[in-house]
Amino acid sequence: MSFWEHETCEYCGGALVEKRVTLHRIAHGKHILIENVPAGVCTKCGTKFYAANVLKMVAERVRGRRKSEREVRVPVYSL
């Protein structure tokens, strides 16, 4: 049984399904990615919901308490 089973979106009422997503954050002036984050994703509007324990783990990584697994270079464009 999924954590999100029988849960609905608070915005549109759509069903939530559990998926693994990538979060994009800025911490200490740097862009970071956190991969494989479990989230409840609305099947109608796509809104993502996170359990409290998941958000705590994300905060720990953003604060740099764990060493990153890898780094990637990102091209930057300007208009």
Protein backbone atom coordinates (compact mmCIF):
# COMPACT_ATOMS: atom_id res chain seq x y z
CA MET A 1 0.00 0.00 0.00
CA SER A 2 1.32 3.41 -1.00
CA PHE A 3 1.54 6.30 1.46
CA TRP A 4 -0.56 8.35 -0.97
CA GLU A 5 -3.21 5.71 -1.68
CA HIS A 6 -6.75 7.10 -1.22
CA GLU A 7 -5.39 10.66 -0.90
CA THR A 8 -6.63 13.48 -3.13
CA CYS A 9 -5.21 16.80 -4.30
CA GLU A 10 -6.23 19.72 -2.10
CA TYR A 11 -6.40 21.99 -5.16
CA CYS A 12 -8.36 20.05 -7.78
CA GLY A 13 -9.48 16.83 -6.05
CA GLY A 14 -7.48 14.55 -8.37
CA ALA A 15 -6.05 11.26 -7.15
CA LEU A 16 -2.45 11.20 -5.89
CA VAL A 17 0.02 8.58 -7.07
CA GLU A 18 3.47 8.01 -5.67
CA LYS A 19 6.34 8.92 -7.99
CA ARG A 20 10.03 9.69 -7.69
CA VAL A 21 10.79 13.28 -8.68
CA THR A 22 13.79 15.60 -8.91
CA LEU A 23 13.77 18.79 -6.83
CA HIS A 24 15.59 21.91 -7.96
CA ARG A 25 16.75 24.19 -5.13
CA ILE A 26 19.16 27.07 -4.54
CA ALA A 27 21.28 26.77 -1.41
CA HIS A 28 24.17 29.00 -0.42
CA GLY A 29 23.94 30.69 -3.83
CA LYS A 30 24.32 27.41 -5.72
CA HIS A 31 21.79 25.44 -7.72
CA ILE A 32 21.33 21.89 -6.47
CA LEU A 33 19.31 18.89 -7.62
CA ILE A 34 17.91 16.25 -5.30
CA GLU A 35 16.97 13.12 -7.24
CA ASN A 36 14.64 10.24 -6.43
CA VAL A 37 12.48 12.17 -3.97
CA PRO A 38 9.26 10.29 -3.16
CA ALA A 39 6.21 12.49 -3.75
CA GLY A 40 2.47 12.24 -4.13
CA VAL A 41 1.73 13.65 -7.60
CA CYS A 42 -1.76 14.68 -8.65
CA THR A 43 -2.96 12.82 -11.73
CA LYS A 44 -5.01 15.86 -12.85
CA CYS A 45 -2.99 19.01 -12.20
CA GLY A 46 0.48 17.63 -11.44
CA THR A 47 0.86 19.29 -8.03
CA LYS A 48 3.45 17.52 -5.88
CA PHE A 49 3.02 16.75 -2.19
CA TYR A 50 5.76 15.57 0.20
CA ALA A 51 5.61 13.73 3.52
CA ALA A 52 7.15 15.54 6.52
CA ASN A 53 9.97 12.99 6.92
CA VAL A 54 10.90 13.44 3.24
CA LEU A 55 11.05 17.23 3.64
CA LYS A 56 13.33 16.77 6.66
CA MET A 57 15.74 14.65 4.60
CA VAL A 58 15.64 17.23 1.79
CA ALA A 59 16.47 20.01 4.25
CA GLU A 60 19.48 18.05 5.54
CA ARG A 61 20.84 17.67 2.04
CA VAL A 62 20.22 21.31 1.17
CA ARG A 63 22.12 22.34 4.29
CA GLY A 64 25.04 20.26 3.08
CA ARG A 65 25.10 17.78 5.93
CA ARG A 66 25.77 15.01 3.43
CA LYS A 67 28.28 15.09 0.62
CA SER A 68 26.75 15.19 -2.85
CA GLU A 69 26.94 11.98 -4.87
CA ARG A 70 27.98 13.73 -8.07
CA GLU A 71 28.12 17.10 -9.78
CA VAL A 72 26.93 18.08 -13.25
CA ARG A 73 27.72 21.06 -15.43
CA VAL A 74 24.75 23.09 -16.63
CA PRO A 75 24.85 25.35 -19.68
CA VAL A 76 23.51 28.87 -19.08
CA TYR A 77 21.87 30.99 -21.79
CA SER A 78 20.80 34.62 -21.73
CA LEU A 79 18.25 36.44 -23.89
